[in-house]
């Protein structure tokens, strides 16, 4: 388990204005980690990730058996920050029957005929399940804020789209998440904080590897030109929507082993905090189980 003081450094304090320059994109989130040395921390992280994968599988079984709570994992990031890798490596030990992943692309005509939260609400996890949003309704206060021309396609009533408009969208998101938490959904939100230099490196790696060409889009490069605008949009969204009931975690993402280990640890710790136990069976059920055992043991081989 990662020390609480490390997690506290990457959790966005509700009501506090976020400056992403205050969050390390690398591995040394604390002086202690830096003093330990990168290779030592990396080796320890690998052990911790494997242990957390096993614990996550156990936690999922408890979640499924209780059928009271659900978990919503939200992944947001700049391009190439490693969201797909998080899903692949952290969630690899989960039972697919109790886990669903949604990757939200460009909204359809049907989506645009509803409010901006509608298409995401349709995909919320049922009780007992873990739902993973690879991008989410936050796109509508990130991409749409950086490219306000997209609002024209959302068929909104006449009105100004200034600061007050975005504040109301933040309010809508906070209200939705508060509603979800009150009704048994654990909302865990992760912003994968990658540096601009590391994104460039990963883009070049994709261009150098023919097997990765399918992952590169000219649109990714075009969006890179808006880096400062996206940084500001993320800072404003994180500041406005990190709450006591659904805080944001700013995850160092320049090293994939760091982001995967930290997210796995937070997932396990958060689900375990629900203090779930396997359901107790009734006396009648216990008697029925005993009778079933008796019948099976009396069967002729």
Protein backbone atom coordinates (compact mmCIF):
# COMPACT_ATOMS: atom_id res chain seq x y z
CA UNK A 1 0.00 0.00 0.00
CA UNK A 2 1.30 3.46 -0.92
CA UNK A 3 1.76 5.80 2.01
CA UNK A 4 -1.13 8.16 2.67
CA UNK A 5 1.09 11.23 2.46
CA UNK A 6 2.03 10.31 -1.12
CA UNK A 7 -1.62 9.93 -2.11
CA UNK A 8 -2.48 13.18 -0.33
CA UNK A 9 0.02 15.02 -2.53
CA UNK A 10 -1.76 13.96 -5.71
CA UNK A 11 -5.34 14.36 -4.46
CA UNK A 12 -6.89 17.71 -5.42
CA UNK A 13 -8.11 19.45 -2.28
CA UNK A 14 -11.78 20.47 -2.71
CA UNK A 15 -12.14 24.21 -3.15
CA UNK A 16 -8.44 24.74 -3.89
CA UNK A 17 -7.34 26.32 -7.16
CA UNK A 18 -5.22 23.92 -9.20
CA UNK A 19 -1.94 24.81 -10.85
CA UNK A 20 -0.63 21.75 -12.67
CA UNK A 21 2.93 23.01 -12.31
CA UNK A 22 2.60 22.03 -8.65
CA UNK A 23 2.17 18.36 -9.60
CA UNK A 24 5.15 16.26 -10.63
CA UNK A 25 4.68 14.39 -13.92
CA UNK A 26 7.53 12.00 -13.07
CA UNK A 27 8.07 9.49 -10.30
CA UNK A 28 9.42 11.55 -7.39
CA UNK A 29 6.18 12.75 -5.82
CA UNK A 30 7.90 13.20 -2.43
CA UNK A 31 11.48 13.86 -1.26
CA UNK A 32 11.54 10.35 0.21
CA UNK A 33 10.86 8.76 -3.18
CA UNK A 34 13.52 10.90 -4.82
CA UNK A 35 16.07 9.94 -2.18
CA UNK A 36 15.27 6.24 -2.63
CA UNK A 37 16.29 6.40 -6.28
CA UNK A 38 14.29 5.68 -9.41
CA UNK A 39 15.31 2.04 -9.93
CA UNK A 40 14.59 1.08 -6.33
CA UNK A 41 11.17 2.72 -6.47
CA UNK A 42 10.45 1.13 -9.86
CA UNK A 43 11.18 -2.38 -8.56
CA UNK A 44 9.00 -1.79 -5.50
CA UNK A 45 6.24 -0.42 -7.72
CA UNK A 46 6.22 -3.61 -9.82
CA UNK A 47 5.72 -5.71 -6.69
CA UNK A 48 3.00 -3.40 -5.44
CA UNK A 49 1.17 -3.40 -8.77
CA UNK A 50 1.01 -7.20 -8.86
CA UNK A 51 -0.19 -7.34 -5.25
CA UNK A 52 -2.83 -4.70 -5.95
CA UNK A 53 -4.09 -6.57 -9.03
CA UNK A 54 -4.73 -9.60 -6.84
CA UNK A 55 -6.40 -7.46 -4.17
CA UNK A 56 -8.50 -5.73 -6.81
CA UNK A 57 -9.84 -9.09 -7.99
CA UNK A 58 -10.84 -9.92 -4.41
CA UNK A 59 -12.42 -6.51 -3.92
CA UNK A 60 -14.41 -6.95 -7.15
CA UNK A 61 -15.77 -10.29 -5.93
CA UNK A 62 -16.98 -8.65 -2.71
CA UNK A 63 -18.51 -5.81 -4.71
CA UNK A 64 -20.35 -8.31 -6.93
CA UNK A 65 -21.52 -10.46 -4.03
CA UNK A 66 -22.93 -7.52 -2.06
CA UNK A 67 -24.75 -5.96 -5.04
CA UNK A 68 -25.11 -2.66 -3.17
CA UNK A 69 -22.27 -0.46 -4.42
CA UNK A 70 -20.87 0.21 -7.86
CA UNK A 71 -17.59 1.85 -8.90
CA UNK A 72 -17.17 4.47 -11.62
CA UNK A 73 -13.58 5.05 -12.75
CA UNK A 74 -13.04 8.16 -14.86
CA UNK A 75 -9.82 8.54 -16.87
CA UNK A 76 -9.01 11.92 -18.41
CA UNK A 77 -5.77 13.03 -19.98
CA UNK A 78 -3.95 14.64 -22.84
CA UNK A 79 -3.36 12.33 -25.82
CA UNK A 80 -0.80 9.52 -25.34
CA UNK A 81 -0.90 9.76 -21.53
CA UNK A 82 -1.58 6.03 -21.14
CA UNK A 83 -5.32 5.62 -20.51
CA UNK A 84 -5.53 2.44 -22.62
CA UNK A 85 -2.52 1.00 -20.81
CA UNK A 86 -4.15 1.66 -17.44
CA UNK A 87 -7.22 -0.27 -18.52
CA UNK A 88 -5.16 -3.13 -19.92
CA UNK A 89 -2.61 -3.56 -17.14
CA UNK A 90 -4.43 -2.46 -13.99
CA UNK A 91 -7.76 -4.10 -14.78
CA UNK A 92 -6.31 -7.31 -16.24
CA UNK A 93 -7.22 -9.36 -13.18
CA UNK A 94 -10.87 -8.35 -13.10
CA UNK A 95 -13.74 -10.65 -14.01
CA UNK A 96 -15.09 -9.32 -17.34
CA UNK A 97 -18.65 -10.17 -16.22
CA UNK A 98 -18.46 -7.44 -13.59
CA UNK A 99 -16.49 -4.79 -15.44
CA UNK A 100 -17.44 -2.61 -18.41
CA UNK A 101 -15.28 -0.15 -20.34
CA UNK A 102 -16.67 2.71 -22.40
CA UNK A 103 -14.62 4.87 -24.76
CA UNK A 104 -16.58 7.93 -25.80
CA UNK A 105 -15.93 9.32 -29.25
CA UNK A 106 -17.55 12.12 -31.21
CA UNK A 107 -21.21 12.51 -30.14
CA UNK A 108 -23.86 11.14 -32.51
CA UNK A 109 -26.90 13.03 -33.77
CA UNK A 110 -28.95 11.23 -31.13
CA UNK A 111 -26.50 12.31 -28.42
CA UNK A 112 -26.74 15.91 -29.59
CA UNK A 113 -30.52 15.77 -29.29
CA UNK A 114 -30.10 15.34 -25.52
CA UNK A 115 -28.28 17.19 -22.75
CA UNK A 116 -24.51 16.76 -22.56
CA UNK A 117 -24.70 14.25 -19.70
CA UNK A 118 -27.24 11.91 -21.33
CA UNK A 119 -24.98 9.55 -23.26
CA UNK A 120 -22.76 9.03 -20.23
CA UNK A 121 -25.62 8.43 -17.81
CA UNK A 122 -26.83 5.58 -20.03
CA UNK A 123 -23.53 3.79 -19.41
CA UNK A 124 -23.25 4.14 -15.62
CA UNK A 125 -22.34 0.87 -13.85
CA UNK A 126 -25.01 -1.26 -12.21
CA UNK A 127 -24.73 -2.20 -8.55
CA UNK A 128 -21.98 -4.74 -8.06
CA UNK A 129 -20.09 -3.66 -11.18
CA UNK A 130 -17.07 -1.55 -12.05
CA UNK A 131 -17.51 0.89 -14.91
CA UNK A 132 -14.54 2.56 -16.60
CA UNK A 133 -14.98 5.72 -18.65
CA UNK A 134 -12.09 6.26 -21.08
CA UNK A 135 -12.87 9.97 -21.35
CA UNK A 136 -16.19 11.11 -19.99
CA UNK A 137 -18.67 13.96 -19.59
CA UNK A 138 -15.63 16.07 -18.67
CA UNK A 139 -14.93 16.31 -22.39
CA UNK A 140 -17.78 18.83 -22.48
CA UNK A 141 -15.85 21.20 -20.21
CA UNK A 142 -12.47 20.41 -21.78
CA UNK A 143 -12.51 19.82 -25.56
CA UNK A 144 -15.68 21.85 -25.99
CA UNK A 145 -14.23 24.67 -23.88
CA UNK A 146 -11.02 24.73 -25.93
CA UNK A 147 -13.08 24.57 -29.13
CA UNK A 148 -16.24 26.57 -28.30
CA UNK A 149 -17.43 26.28 -31.90
CA UNK A 150 -18.53 22.75 -30.94
CA UNK A 151 -21.28 24.30 -28.81
CA UNK A 152 -23.09 25.25 -32.00
CA UNK A 153 -23.76 21.55 -32.64
CA UNK A 154 -25.27 21.02 -29.20
CA UNK A 155 -28.54 22.80 -30.06
CA UNK A 156 -28.52 24.92 -26.91
CA UNK A 157 -31.04 27.66 -26.15
CA UNK A 158 -29.90 31.19 -27.01
CA UNK A 159 -27.56 32.74 -24.49
CA UNK A 160 -24.00 33.72 -23.72
CA UNK A 161 -21.33 31.09 -23.25
CA UNK A 162 -19.01 32.95 -20.93
CA UNK A 163 -17.64 32.03 -17.51
CA UNK A 164 -21.12 31.66 -16.05
CA UNK A 165 -22.04 29.04 -18.65
CA UNK A 166 -19.07 26.83 -17.75
CA UNK A 167 -19.66 27.28 -14.02
CA UNK A 168 -23.17 25.92 -14.50
CA UNK A 169 -21.76 22.90 -16.34
CA UNK A 170 -19.42 22.28 -13.42
CA UNK A 171 -22.43 22.54 -11.11
CA UNK A 172 -24.32 19.99 -13.22
CA UNK A 173 -21.38 17.57 -13.05
CA UNK A 174 -20.99 18.01 -9.29
CA UNK A 175 -24.70 17.46 -8.77
CA UNK A 176 -24.65 14.27 -10.87
CA UNK A 177 -21.66 12.86 -9.01
CA UNK A 178 -23.15 13.77 -5.63
CA UNK A 179 -26.35 11.97 -6.62
CA UNK A 180 -24.36 8.90 -7.70
CA UNK A 181 -22.37 8.76 -4.46
CA UNK A 182 -25.48 9.13 -2.31
CA UNK A 183 -26.98 6.20 -4.17
CA UNK A 184 -24.02 3.86 -3.78
CA UNK A 185 -21.58 4.63 -6.60
CA UNK A 186 -17.95 5.14 -5.66
CA UNK A 187 -16.66 7.80 -8.08
CA UNK A 188 -12.89 7.73 -8.68
CA UNK A 189 -11.46 10.35 -11.03
CA UNK A 190 -7.93 10.24 -12.41
CA UNK A 191 -6.18 12.89 -14.50
CA UNK A 192 -3.07 11.38 -16.09
CA UNK A 193 -0.60 14.24 -15.92
CA UNK A 194 1.86 13.87 -18.79
CA UNK A 195 4.48 16.47 -19.72
CA UNK A 196 4.61 17.98 -23.18
CA UNK A 197 8.08 16.53 -23.77
CA UNK A 198 6.95 13.02 -22.87
CA UNK A 199 3.92 13.31 -25.17
CA UNK A 200 6.26 14.30 -28.02
CA UNK A 201 8.45 11.28 -27.25
CA UNK A 202 5.47 8.90 -27.35
CA UNK A 203 4.16 10.40 -30.58
CA UNK A 204 7.58 9.88 -32.20
CA UNK A 205 7.67 6.28 -30.94
CA UNK A 206 4.34 5.66 -32.64
CA UNK A 207 5.63 7.15 -35.88
CA UNK A 208 8.80 5.03 -35.68
CA UNK A 209 6.88 1.78 -35.15
CA UNK A 210 4.70 0.60 -38.06
CA UNK A 211 2.66 -1.52 -35.64
CA UNK A 212 1.69 1.67 -33.80
CA UNK A 213 0.80 3.78 -36.83
CA UNK A 214 -2.88 2.99 -36.34
CA UNK A 215 -2.71 4.73 -32.95
CA UNK A 216 -1.45 8.00 -34.41
CA UNK A 217 -3.91 10.53 -35.72
CA UNK A 218 -3.16 13.83 -37.40
CA UNK A 219 -5.80 15.24 -35.05
CA UNK A 220 -3.54 14.36 -32.11
CA UNK A 221 -0.83 16.59 -33.52
CA UNK A 222 -3.35 19.35 -34.24
CA UNK A 223 -4.61 19.24 -30.65
CA UNK A 224 -1.04 19.45 -29.34
CA UNK A 225 -0.96 23.00 -30.65
CA UNK A 226 -3.62 23.82 -28.03
CA UNK A 227 -1.54 22.46 -25.13
CA UNK A 228 -1.70 25.66 -23.06
CA UNK A 229 -5.45 25.99 -23.65
CA UNK A 230 -6.01 22.39 -22.53
CA UNK A 231 -3.81 22.91 -19.47
CA UNK A 232 -5.92 25.88 -18.45
CA UNK A 233 -9.17 23.98 -19.11
CA UNK A 234 -7.98 21.04 -17.02
CA UNK A 235 -6.88 23.30 -14.18
CA UNK A 236 -10.27 25.02 -14.14
CA UNK A 237 -12.20 21.74 -14.31
CA UNK A 238 -10.11 20.08 -11.58
CA UNK A 239 -10.51 23.14 -9.36
CA UNK A 240 -14.27 23.30 -9.81
CA UNK A 241 -15.13 19.59 -9.63
CA UNK A 242 -12.82 18.03 -7.03
CA UNK A 243 -15.23 17.46 -4.16
CA UNK A 244 -15.30 15.60 -0.86
CA UNK A 245 -17.55 12.97 -2.42
CA UNK A 246 -15.67 12.68 -5.74
CA UNK A 247 -12.11 14.05 -5.56
CA UNK A 248 -9.68 14.22 -8.44
CA UNK A 249 -6.28 12.53 -8.37
CA UNK A 250 -3.52 14.05 -10.51
CA UNK A 251 -1.49 11.00 -11.51
CA UNK A 252 2.16 11.34 -12.62
CA UNK A 253 2.08 9.85 -16.13
CA UNK A 254 5.54 10.34 -17.63
CA UNK A 255 6.40 6.82 -16.46
CA UNK A 256 3.73 4.21 -17.09
CA UNK A 257 4.85 2.04 -14.17
CA UNK A 258 4.12 4.95 -11.84
CA UNK A 259 0.62 5.75 -13.10
CA UNK A 260 -0.43 2.09 -13.18
CA UNK A 261 0.83 1.38 -9.67
CA UNK A 262 -0.70 4.48 -8.12
CA UNK A 263 -4.12 4.03 -9.73
CA UNK A 264 -4.25 0.34 -8.78
CA UNK A 265 -3.45 1.25 -5.18
CA UNK A 266 -6.12 3.94 -4.99
CA UNK A 267 -8.71 1.59 -6.50
CA UNK A 268 -8.01 -1.16 -3.97
CA UNK A 269 -7.85 1.20 -1.00
CA UNK A 270 -11.07 2.98 -2.01
CA UNK A 271 -13.10 -0.20 -2.56
CA UNK A 272 -11.76 -1.73 0.67
CA UNK A 273 -12.83 1.42 2.52
CA UNK A 274 -16.43 0.32 1.88
CA UNK A 275 -15.72 -2.51 4.38
CA UNK A 276 -17.68 -5.06 2.40
CA UNK A 277 -18.20 -8.64 3.58
CA UNK A 278 -19.68 -11.65 1.87
CA UNK A 279 -23.44 -11.85 2.52
CA UNK A 280 -24.49 -13.98 5.50
CA UNK A 281 -26.90 -16.79 4.62
CA UNK A 282 -30.07 -17.46 6.57
CA UNK A 283 -30.63 -20.46 8.86
CA UNK A 284 -32.92 -21.93 6.22
CA UNK A 285 -30.23 -21.56 3.56
CA UNK A 286 -27.62 -23.10 5.88
CA UNK A 287 -29.89 -26.09 6.45
CA UNK A 288 -30.45 -26.44 2.71
CA UNK A 289 -26.70 -26.40 2.10
CA UNK A 290 -26.18 -29.10 4.70
CA UNK A 291 -28.84 -31.24 3.02
CA UNK A 292 -27.19 -30.72 -0.35
CA UNK A 293 -23.87 -31.88 1.10
CA UNK A 294 -25.54 -34.96 2.63
CA UNK A 295 -27.12 -35.93 -0.69
CA UNK A 296 -23.89 -35.46 -2.63
CA UNK A 297 -21.86 -37.49 -0.14
CA UNK A 298 -24.39 -40.34 -0.27
CA UNK A 299 -24.26 -40.59 -4.07
CA UNK A 300 -22.72 -43.77 -5.37
CA UNK A 301 -19.47 -43.26 -7.25
